[in-house]
Amino acid sequence: MHRRRFLKVLGAVAIPLSSWLHAATPDFPKPGNKYLCPVCGMLVAKYPNWMAIVIYKDGHPHFFDGAKDMFKYLGDLPKYAPGHKAAEISGIWVTEFYGLTRIDARKAFYVMGSDVLGPMGHEFVPLESRSDAEDFLKEHKGKRILSFEQATPEVAIKLDKGVFD
């Protein structure tokens, strides 16, 4: 708990440095107020703290109301994004729980089975470091920490049903 408070203070001091520190972070597009998640149909803009984004090489984004639907999407592009191919994806981003910043989804850690619910119930909670994921797991009664590769569409479907194994 003290570490997070320290990080918030440090973040406030470091704001002027943010443009220099995150020079490699893309300028993220924003969904319009009527943009729907391609998996569940929910309005994405209503849930910025949970938003995930898949960006294609041509700059075209697909937005999601949470990482769970993003993983379902990635597992079945022909169903959710006809005409798009995985090889055309240039970046996959999730919103980090503590900092509410966009982080590379492939490098994130995901806690499942916690007492923190997303827009559609149980959700993969994205965290930037293994240490943050372990802290979150303990503080929020989480069941598992997963890597990007472990957060499969099959696990996402189980998460919808409240199954955390």
N, C-alpha and C. Protein backbone atom coordinates (compact mmCIF):
# COMPACT_ATOMS: atom_id res chain seq x y z
N MET A 1 0.82 -1.19 0.00
CA MET A 1 0.00 0.00 0.00
C MET A 1 0.87 1.26 0.00
N HIS A 2 1.95 1.25 0.80
CA HIS A 2 2.83 2.41 0.85
C HIS A 2 3.53 2.63 -0.48
N ARG A 3 3.86 1.55 -1.17
CA ARG A 3 4.55 1.65 -2.45
C ARG A 3 3.66 2.38 -3.47
N ARG A 4 2.37 2.08 -3.49
CA ARG A 4 1.47 2.74 -4.43
C ARG A 4 1.35 4.22 -4.12
N ARG A 5 1.27 4.56 -2.84
CA ARG A 5 1.18 5.98 -2.45
C ARG A 5 2.45 6.71 -2.92
N PHE A 6 3.61 6.07 -2.71
CA PHE A 6 4.87 6.64 -3.16
C PHE A 6 4.86 6.83 -4.67
N LEU A 7 4.37 5.84 -5.40
CA LEU A 7 4.34 5.92 -6.85
C LEU A 7 3.42 7.04 -7.34
N LYS A 8 2.31 7.27 -6.64
CA LYS A 8 1.42 8.36 -7.02
C LYS A 8 2.11 9.71 -6.84
N VAL A 9 2.83 9.88 -5.72
CA VAL A 9 3.56 11.12 -5.49
C VAL A 9 4.65 11.28 -6.53
N LEU A 10 5.38 10.21 -6.77
CA LEU A 10 6.44 10.25 -7.78
C LEU A 10 5.85 10.58 -9.14
N GLY A 11 4.69 10.02 -9.46
CA GLY A 11 4.03 10.30 -10.73
C GLY A 11 3.67 11.76 -10.87
N ALA A 12 3.21 12.37 -9.80
CA ALA A 12 2.83 13.78 -9.84
C ALA A 12 4.05 14.66 -10.10
N VAL A 13 5.19 14.30 -9.53
CA VAL A 13 6.42 15.05 -9.73
C VAL A 13 6.97 14.84 -11.14
N ALA A 14 6.78 13.64 -11.66
CA ALA A 14 7.38 13.27 -12.95
C ALA A 14 6.52 13.62 -14.16
N ILE A 15 5.35 14.20 -13.98
CA ILE A 15 4.47 14.50 -15.12
C ILE A 15 5.17 15.30 -16.22
N PRO A 16 5.99 16.33 -15.90
CA PRO A 16 6.66 17.05 -16.98
C PRO A 16 7.60 16.17 -17.79
N LEU A 17 8.08 15.10 -17.21
CA LEU A 17 9.00 14.21 -17.92
C LEU A 17 8.26 13.17 -18.75
N SER A 18 6.95 13.08 -18.59
CA SER A 18 6.22 11.98 -19.21
C SER A 18 6.35 11.93 -20.72
N SER A 19 6.37 13.09 -21.39
CA SER A 19 6.49 13.05 -22.85
C SER A 19 7.84 12.52 -23.27
N TRP A 20 8.87 12.82 -22.52
CA TRP A 20 10.20 12.31 -22.84
C TRP A 20 10.31 10.83 -22.53
N LEU A 21 9.79 10.40 -21.39
CA LEU A 21 9.90 9.01 -20.96
C LEU A 21 9.09 8.07 -21.84
N HIS A 22 7.95 8.53 -22.37
CA HIS A 22 7.07 7.67 -23.13
C HIS A 22 7.10 8.00 -24.63
N ALA A 23 8.24 8.43 -25.12
CA ALA A 23 8.36 8.82 -26.52
C ALA A 23 7.98 7.69 -27.46
N ALA A 24 8.19 6.44 -27.04
CA ALA A 24 7.89 5.30 -27.92
C ALA A 24 6.43 4.87 -27.82
N THR A 25 5.68 5.41 -26.87
CA THR A 25 4.28 5.05 -26.72
C THR A 25 3.47 5.75 -27.79
N PRO A 26 2.65 5.00 -28.51
CA PRO A 26 1.87 5.64 -29.58
C PRO A 26 0.83 6.62 -29.06
N ASP A 27 0.43 7.51 -29.92
CA ASP A 27 -0.66 8.43 -29.62
C ASP A 27 -1.94 7.64 -29.88
N PHE A 28 -2.60 7.22 -28.83
CA PHE A 28 -3.73 6.31 -28.96
C PHE A 28 -4.96 7.00 -29.51
N PRO A 29 -5.61 6.35 -30.47
CA PRO A 29 -6.89 6.88 -30.94
C PRO A 29 -7.93 6.72 -29.83
N LYS A 30 -8.98 7.49 -29.91
CA LYS A 30 -10.06 7.39 -28.93
C LYS A 30 -11.32 6.92 -29.63
N PRO A 31 -12.08 6.06 -28.95
CA PRO A 31 -13.32 5.61 -29.57
C PRO A 31 -14.37 6.70 -29.52
N GLY A 32 -15.19 6.77 -30.52
CA GLY A 32 -16.31 7.69 -30.50
C GLY A 32 -17.31 7.26 -29.44
N ASN A 33 -18.21 8.16 -29.09
CA ASN A 33 -19.19 7.86 -28.04
C ASN A 33 -20.12 6.71 -28.38
N LYS A 34 -20.21 6.35 -29.66
CA LYS A 34 -21.11 5.27 -30.06
C LYS A 34 -20.36 4.03 -30.53
N TYR A 35 -19.03 3.98 -30.28
CA TYR A 35 -18.24 2.83 -30.71
C TYR A 35 -18.57 1.62 -29.83
N LEU A 36 -18.87 0.49 -30.47
CA LEU A 36 -19.24 -0.73 -29.75
C LEU A 36 -18.11 -1.74 -29.75
N CYS A 37 -17.95 -2.44 -28.65
CA CYS A 37 -17.00 -3.55 -28.57
C CYS A 37 -17.42 -4.59 -29.60
N PRO A 38 -16.49 -5.06 -30.46
CA PRO A 38 -16.87 -6.04 -31.48
C PRO A 38 -17.25 -7.41 -30.93
N VAL A 39 -16.96 -7.66 -29.67
CA VAL A 39 -17.26 -8.96 -29.07
C VAL A 39 -18.61 -8.96 -28.36
N CYS A 40 -18.84 -7.97 -27.50
CA CYS A 40 -20.05 -7.99 -26.67
C CYS A 40 -21.08 -6.93 -27.05
N GLY A 41 -20.66 -5.92 -27.83
CA GLY A 41 -21.58 -4.88 -28.23
C GLY A 41 -21.77 -3.74 -27.25
N MET A 42 -21.00 -3.72 -26.15
CA MET A 42 -21.12 -2.63 -25.17
C MET A 42 -20.46 -1.36 -25.70
N LEU A 43 -20.94 -0.21 -25.24
CA LEU A 43 -20.30 1.07 -25.57
C LEU A 43 -18.95 1.15 -24.87
N VAL A 44 -17.89 1.29 -25.64
CA VAL A 44 -16.54 1.24 -25.10
C VAL A 44 -16.17 2.52 -24.36
N ALA A 45 -16.56 3.68 -24.87
CA ALA A 45 -16.16 4.96 -24.28
C ALA A 45 -16.64 5.11 -22.83
N LYS A 46 -17.66 4.38 -22.45
CA LYS A 46 -18.18 4.46 -21.08
C LYS A 46 -17.23 3.83 -20.05
N TYR A 47 -16.24 3.05 -20.53
CA TYR A 47 -15.36 2.31 -19.63
C TYR A 47 -13.89 2.56 -19.93
N PRO A 48 -13.43 3.80 -19.87
CA PRO A 48 -12.03 4.09 -20.22
C PRO A 48 -11.02 3.42 -19.30
N ASN A 49 -11.40 3.15 -18.06
CA ASN A 49 -10.48 2.52 -17.11
C ASN A 49 -10.25 1.04 -17.40
N TRP A 50 -11.03 0.48 -18.30
CA TRP A 50 -10.90 -0.94 -18.64
C TRP A 50 -10.53 -1.15 -20.11
N MET A 51 -10.48 -0.08 -20.88
CA MET A 51 -10.34 -0.17 -22.33
C MET A 51 -9.08 -0.92 -22.78
N ALA A 52 -9.26 -1.74 -23.80
CA ALA A 52 -8.16 -2.41 -24.49
C ALA A 52 -8.26 -2.03 -25.96
N ILE A 53 -7.12 -2.03 -26.65
CA ILE A 53 -7.09 -1.60 -28.04
C ILE A 53 -6.19 -2.53 -28.85
N VAL A 54 -6.67 -2.92 -30.00
CA VAL A 54 -5.85 -3.61 -31.00
C VAL A 54 -5.71 -2.64 -32.16
N ILE A 55 -4.47 -2.34 -32.53
CA ILE A 55 -4.22 -1.40 -33.62
C ILE A 55 -3.55 -2.16 -34.77
N TYR A 56 -4.09 -1.96 -35.95
CA TYR A 56 -3.55 -2.60 -37.15
C TYR A 56 -2.50 -1.71 -37.80
N LYS A 57 -1.67 -2.31 -38.64
CA LYS A 57 -0.57 -1.59 -39.30
C LYS A 57 -1.05 -0.40 -40.12
N ASP A 58 -2.27 -0.45 -40.61
CA ASP A 58 -2.80 0.69 -41.37
C ASP A 58 -3.36 1.79 -40.46
N GLY A 59 -3.23 1.61 -39.12
CA GLY A 59 -3.69 2.59 -38.16
C GLY A 59 -5.11 2.36 -37.66
N HIS A 60 -5.81 1.41 -38.24
CA HIS A 60 -7.19 1.13 -37.85
C HIS A 60 -7.23 0.47 -36.47
N PRO A 61 -7.98 1.04 -35.51
CA PRO A 61 -8.08 0.45 -34.17
C PRO A 61 -9.39 -0.33 -33.97
N HIS A 62 -9.33 -1.31 -33.11
CA HIS A 62 -10.52 -1.95 -32.58
C HIS A 62 -10.44 -1.80 -31.06
N PHE A 63 -11.52 -1.33 -30.45
CA PHE A 63 -11.58 -1.05 -29.02
C PHE A 63 -12.43 -2.09 -28.31
N PHE A 64 -12.09 -2.32 -27.03
CA PHE A 64 -12.81 -3.32 -26.23
C PHE A 64 -13.09 -2.73 -24.85
N ASP A 65 -14.18 -3.18 -24.23
CA ASP A 65 -14.54 -2.70 -22.90
C ASP A 65 -13.75 -3.41 -21.81
N GLY A 66 -12.83 -4.27 -22.16
CA GLY A 66 -11.96 -4.95 -21.20
C GLY A 66 -11.06 -5.95 -21.89
N ALA A 67 -10.03 -6.37 -21.18
CA ALA A 67 -9.07 -7.33 -21.74
C ALA A 67 -9.73 -8.67 -22.06
N LYS A 68 -10.73 -9.05 -21.29
CA LYS A 68 -11.39 -10.34 -21.50
C LYS A 68 -11.95 -10.44 -22.92
N ASP A 69 -12.66 -9.43 -23.36
CA ASP A 69 -13.21 -9.45 -24.72
C ASP A 69 -12.10 -9.33 -25.76
N MET A 70 -11.04 -8.62 -25.44
CA MET A 70 -9.92 -8.52 -26.37
C MET A 70 -9.32 -9.90 -26.64
N PHE A 71 -9.18 -10.72 -25.59
CA PHE A 71 -8.62 -12.06 -25.77
C PHE A 71 -9.57 -12.95 -26.58
N LYS A 72 -10.86 -12.79 -26.38
CA LYS A 72 -11.83 -13.55 -27.19
C LYS A 72 -11.69 -13.14 -28.66
N TYR A 73 -11.57 -11.86 -28.91
CA TYR A 73 -11.41 -11.31 -30.25
C TYR A 73 -10.16 -11.88 -30.92
N LEU A 74 -9.02 -11.81 -30.20
CA LEU A 74 -7.76 -12.28 -30.77
C LEU A 74 -7.81 -13.77 -31.09
N GLY A 75 -8.61 -14.51 -30.35
CA GLY A 75 -8.72 -15.95 -30.58
C GLY A 75 -9.62 -16.32 -31.75
N ASP A 76 -10.39 -15.38 -32.27
CA ASP A 76 -11.30 -15.70 -33.37
C ASP A 76 -11.50 -14.48 -34.27
N LEU A 77 -10.41 -14.04 -34.91
CA LEU A 77 -10.49 -12.88 -35.80
C LEU A 77 -11.50 -13.08 -36.94
N PRO A 78 -11.59 -14.27 -37.55
CA PRO A 78 -12.59 -14.42 -38.63
C PRO A 78 -14.02 -14.11 -38.17
N LYS A 79 -14.34 -14.42 -36.92
CA LYS A 79 -15.68 -14.16 -36.41
C LYS A 79 -15.87 -12.67 -36.07
N TYR A 80 -14.90 -12.09 -35.35
CA TYR A 80 -15.07 -10.74 -34.82
C TYR A 80 -14.53 -9.64 -35.74
N ALA A 81 -13.62 -9.99 -36.65
CA ALA A 81 -13.01 -8.98 -37.52
C ALA A 81 -12.75 -9.57 -38.90
N PRO A 82 -13.82 -9.91 -39.62
CA PRO A 82 -13.64 -10.50 -40.95
C PRO A 82 -12.74 -9.61 -41.82
N GLY A 83 -11.82 -10.24 -42.51
CA GLY A 83 -10.90 -9.50 -43.37
C GLY A 83 -9.63 -9.05 -42.69
N HIS A 84 -9.56 -9.15 -41.38
CA HIS A 84 -8.34 -8.78 -40.66
C HIS A 84 -7.56 -10.04 -40.32
N LYS A 85 -6.24 -9.90 -40.30
CA LYS A 85 -5.36 -11.02 -39.97
C LYS A 85 -4.43 -10.64 -38.83
N ALA A 86 -4.05 -11.63 -38.03
CA ALA A 86 -3.16 -11.38 -36.90
C ALA A 86 -1.85 -10.73 -37.35
N ALA A 87 -1.35 -11.10 -38.52
CA ALA A 87 -0.09 -10.55 -39.03
C ALA A 87 -0.19 -9.05 -39.31
N GLU A 88 -1.41 -8.52 -39.41
CA GLU A 88 -1.62 -7.10 -39.68
C GLU A 88 -1.68 -6.25 -38.42
N ILE A 89 -1.63 -6.89 -37.25
CA ILE A 89 -1.71 -6.17 -35.98
C ILE A 89 -0.36 -5.55 -35.66
N SER A 90 -0.36 -4.25 -35.38
CA SER A 90 0.89 -3.58 -35.03
C SER A 90 1.06 -3.42 -33.52
N GLY A 91 -0.03 -3.42 -32.76
CA GLY A 91 0.07 -3.25 -31.32
C GLY A 91 -1.19 -3.69 -30.61
N ILE A 92 -1.01 -4.17 -29.39
CA ILE A 92 -2.12 -4.59 -28.55
C ILE A 92 -1.90 -3.94 -27.19
N TRP A 93 -2.88 -3.19 -26.73
CA TRP A 93 -2.72 -2.37 -25.52
C TRP A 93 -3.88 -2.61 -24.56
N VAL A 94 -3.56 -2.56 -23.28
CA VAL A 94 -4.57 -2.66 -22.23
C VAL A 94 -4.38 -1.48 -21.27
N THR A 95 -5.39 -1.20 -20.48
CA THR A 95 -5.30 -0.13 -19.49
C THR A 95 -4.85 -0.73 -18.17
N GLU A 96 -3.71 -0.27 -17.70
CA GLU A 96 -3.12 -0.77 -16.46
C GLU A 96 -3.98 -0.31 -15.28
N PHE A 97 -4.28 -1.23 -14.36
CA PHE A 97 -5.24 -0.97 -13.29
C PHE A 97 -4.85 0.19 -12.38
N TYR A 98 -3.61 0.21 -11.90
CA TYR A 98 -3.23 1.23 -10.92
C TYR A 98 -2.99 2.60 -11.56
N GLY A 99 -2.27 2.65 -12.66
CA GLY A 99 -1.91 3.93 -13.25
C GLY A 99 -2.89 4.44 -14.29
N LEU A 100 -3.83 3.56 -14.72
CA LEU A 100 -4.80 3.90 -15.77
C LEU A 100 -4.11 4.41 -17.03
N THR A 101 -2.95 3.83 -17.33
CA THR A 101 -2.21 4.16 -18.54
C THR A 101 -2.27 2.97 -19.48
N ARG A 102 -2.04 3.22 -20.75
CA ARG A 102 -2.01 2.13 -21.73
C ARG A 102 -0.64 1.45 -21.67
N ILE A 103 -0.65 0.13 -21.57
CA ILE A 103 0.58 -0.64 -21.55
C ILE A 103 0.48 -1.74 -22.60
N ASP A 104 1.62 -2.21 -23.03
CA ASP A 104 1.69 -3.27 -24.03
C ASP A 104 1.05 -4.54 -23.44
N ALA A 105 -0.01 -5.00 -24.06
CA ALA A 105 -0.74 -6.16 -23.55
C ALA A 105 0.13 -7.41 -23.50
N ARG A 106 1.09 -7.50 -24.40
CA ARG A 106 1.95 -8.70 -24.45
C ARG A 106 2.91 -8.77 -23.29
N LYS A 107 3.16 -7.63 -22.64
CA LYS A 107 4.08 -7.59 -21.50
C LYS A 107 3.36 -7.52 -20.16
N ALA A 108 2.06 -7.34 -20.18
CA ALA A 108 1.28 -7.18 -18.94
C ALA A 108 1.11 -8.52 -18.23
N PHE A 109 0.73 -8.41 -16.97
CA PHE A 109 0.33 -9.56 -16.16
C PHE A 109 -1.14 -9.37 -15.84
N TYR A 110 -1.89 -10.46 -15.82
CA TYR A 110 -3.34 -10.39 -15.66
C TYR A 110 -3.76 -11.20 -14.45
N VAL A 111 -4.49 -10.54 -13.54
CA VAL A 111 -5.03 -11.25 -12.38
C VAL A 111 -6.48 -11.59 -12.68
N MET A 112 -6.83 -12.83 -12.39
CA MET A 112 -8.23 -13.24 -12.58
C MET A 112 -8.79 -13.76 -11.27
N GLY A 113 -10.11 -13.68 -11.16
CA GLY A 113 -10.79 -14.20 -9.99
C GLY A 113 -10.74 -13.30 -8.77
N SER A 114 -10.52 -12.00 -8.98
CA SER A 114 -10.44 -11.08 -7.84
C SER A 114 -11.82 -10.53 -7.48
N ASP A 115 -11.83 -9.71 -6.43
CA ASP A 115 -13.08 -9.07 -6.02
C ASP A 115 -13.33 -7.76 -6.77
N VAL A 116 -12.47 -7.43 -7.74
CA VAL A 116 -12.65 -6.26 -8.58
C VAL A 116 -13.32 -6.72 -9.88
N LEU A 117 -14.48 -6.16 -10.15
CA LEU A 117 -15.22 -6.55 -11.34
C LEU A 117 -15.12 -5.48 -12.41
N GLY A 118 -15.11 -5.90 -13.66
CA GLY A 118 -15.08 -4.99 -14.80
C GLY A 118 -16.48 -4.70 -15.29
N PRO A 119 -16.60 -4.08 -16.45
CA PRO A 119 -17.92 -3.73 -16.99
C PRO A 119 -18.85 -4.92 -17.19
N MET A 120 -18.28 -6.10 -17.43
CA MET A 120 -19.10 -7.29 -17.66
C MET A 120 -18.81 -8.38 -16.63
N GLY A 121 -18.59 -7.97 -15.40
CA GLY A 121 -18.36 -8.95 -14.34
C GLY A 121 -16.90 -9.29 -14.17
N HIS A 122 -16.61 -10.57 -13.96
CA HIS A 122 -15.23 -11.00 -13.76
C HIS A 122 -14.40 -10.60 -14.97
N GLU A 123 -13.20 -10.09 -14.69
CA GLU A 123 -12.36 -9.53 -15.76
C GLU A 123 -10.90 -9.89 -15.50
N PHE A 124 -10.10 -9.91 -16.55
CA PHE A 124 -8.65 -9.97 -16.41
C PHE A 124 -8.23 -8.56 -15.99
N VAL A 125 -7.56 -8.43 -14.86
CA VAL A 125 -7.11 -7.11 -14.40
C VAL A 125 -5.65 -6.94 -14.84
N PRO A 126 -5.38 -6.03 -15.78
CA PRO A 126 -4.02 -5.85 -16.30
C PRO A 126 -3.13 -5.05 -15.35
N LEU A 127 -1.93 -5.57 -15.13
CA LEU A 127 -0.95 -4.90 -14.29
C LEU A 127 0.39 -4.91 -15.00
N GLU A 128 1.18 -3.89 -14.75
CA GLU A 128 2.42 -3.70 -15.50
C GLU A 128 3.55 -4.62 -15.07
N SER A 129 3.61 -4.97 -13.79
CA SER A 129 4.73 -5.79 -13.32
C SER A 129 4.21 -7.02 -12.56
N ARG A 130 5.05 -8.00 -12.47
CA ARG A 130 4.72 -9.21 -11.71
C ARG A 130 4.50 -8.84 -10.25
N SER A 131 5.33 -7.94 -9.74
CA SER A 131 5.21 -7.50 -8.35
C SER A 131 3.85 -6.84 -8.09
N ASP A 132 3.43 -5.96 -8.98
CA ASP A 132 2.11 -5.33 -8.84
C ASP A 132 1.00 -6.38 -8.90
N ALA A 133 1.16 -7.35 -9.80
CA ALA A 133 0.16 -8.41 -9.92
C ALA A 133 0.08 -9.24 -8.64
N GLU A 134 1.22 -9.53 -8.04
CA GLU A 134 1.22 -10.30 -6.79
C GLU A 134 0.57 -9.50 -5.66
N ASP A 135 0.87 -8.21 -5.59
CA ASP A 135 0.24 -7.35 -4.57
C ASP A 135 -1.27 -7.29 -4.79
N PHE A 136 -1.68 -7.09 -6.02
CA PHE A 136 -3.10 -7.01 -6.34
C PHE A 136 -3.79 -8.33 -6.00
N LEU A 137 -3.17 -9.43 -6.34
CA LEU A 137 -3.73 -10.76 -6.06
C LEU A 137 -4.03 -10.91 -4.57
N LYS A 138 -3.08 -10.50 -3.73
CA LYS A 138 -3.25 -10.61 -2.28
C LYS A 138 -4.32 -9.64 -1.76
N GLU A 139 -4.26 -8.39 -2.23
CA GLU A 139 -5.17 -7.35 -1.72
C GLU A 139 -6.61 -7.53 -2.19
N HIS A 140 -6.80 -8.19 -3.32
CA HIS A 140 -8.14 -8.30 -3.89
C HIS A 140 -8.61 -9.74 -4.08
N LYS A 141 -8.03 -10.63 -3.29
CA LYS A 141 -8.46 -12.03 -3.25
C LYS A 141 -8.48 -12.69 -4.63
N GLY A 142 -7.46 -12.36 -5.44
CA GLY A 142 -7.36 -12.96 -6.77
C GLY A 142 -7.01 -14.44 -6.69
N LYS A 143 -7.28 -15.14 -7.77
CA LYS A 143 -7.03 -16.59 -7.81
C LYS A 143 -5.77 -16.95 -8.59
N ARG A 144 -5.49 -16.22 -9.70
CA ARG A 144 -4.36 -16.57 -10.55
C ARG A 144 -3.77 -15.34 -11.22
N ILE A 145 -2.48 -15.45 -11.53
CA ILE A 145 -1.80 -14.44 -12.35
C ILE A 145 -1.44 -15.13 -13.66
N LEU A 146 -1.80 -14.48 -14.76
CA LEU A 146 -1.54 -15.04 -16.08
C LEU A 146 -0.68 -14.10 -16.92
N SER A 147 0.10 -14.70 -17.80
CA SER A 147 0.81 -13.92 -18.82
C SER A 147 -0.12 -13.73 -20.01
N PHE A 148 0.30 -12.95 -20.97
CA PHE A 148 -0.48 -12.74 -22.19
C PHE A 148 -0.79 -14.08 -22.86
N GLU A 149 0.22 -14.93 -22.95
CA GLU A 149 0.06 -16.22 -23.62
C GLU A 149 -0.91 -17.14 -22.88
N GLN A 150 -1.00 -17.00 -21.57
CA GLN A 150 -1.88 -17.85 -20.76
C GLN A 150 -3.33 -17.37 -20.76
N ALA A 151 -3.55 -16.12 -21.09
CA ALA A 151 -4.91 -15.55 -21.07
C ALA A 151 -5.58 -15.85 -22.41
N THR A 152 -5.93 -17.08 -22.60
CA THR A 152 -6.50 -17.54 -23.86
C THR A 152 -8.00 -17.26 -23.93
N PRO A 153 -8.58 -17.34 -25.12
CA PRO A 153 -10.03 -17.19 -25.24
C PRO A 153 -10.79 -18.22 -24.39
N GLU A 154 -10.25 -19.42 -24.29
CA GLU A 154 -10.90 -20.46 -23.48
C GLU A 154 -10.94 -20.07 -22.00
N VAL A 155 -9.84 -19.48 -21.52
CA VAL A 155 -9.80 -19.02 -20.12
C VAL A 155 -10.77 -17.84 -19.95
N ALA A 156 -10.86 -16.97 -20.96
CA ALA A 156 -11.79 -15.83 -20.89
C ALA A 156 -13.23 -16.31 -20.78
N ILE A 157 -13.57 -17.35 -21.51
CA ILE A 157 -14.94 -17.90 -21.46
C ILE A 157 -15.21 -18.50 -20.08
N LYS A 158 -14.21 -19.18 -19.51
CA LYS A 158 -14.37 -19.70 -18.14
C LYS A 158 -14.55 -18.55 -17.14
N LEU A 159 -13.80 -17.47 -17.36
CA LEU A 159 -13.89 -16.31 -16.47
C LEU A 159 -15.32 -15.74 -16.49
N ASP A 160 -15.95 -15.72 -17.66
CA ASP A 160 -17.35 -15.28 -17.75
C ASP A 160 -18.25 -16.11 -16.85
N LYS A 161 -17.92 -17.38 -16.69
CA LYS A 161 -18.74 -18.30 -15.90
C LYS A 161 -18.32 -18.35 -14.43
N GLY A 162 -17.30 -17.54 -14.05
CA GLY A 162 -16.82 -17.53 -12.68
C GLY A 162 -15.93 -18.71 -12.35
N VAL A 163 -15.32 -19.32 -13.37
CA VAL A 163 -14.40 -20.45 -13.18
C VAL A 163 -12.98 -19.90 -13.31
N PHE A 164 -12.16 -20.10 -12.27
CA PHE A 164 -10.85 -19.47 -12.23
C PHE A 164 -9.67 -20.45 -12.28
N ASP A 165 -9.92 -21.70 -12.60
CA ASP A 165 -8.81 -22.67 -12.61
C ASP A 165 -8.03 -22.65 -13.90
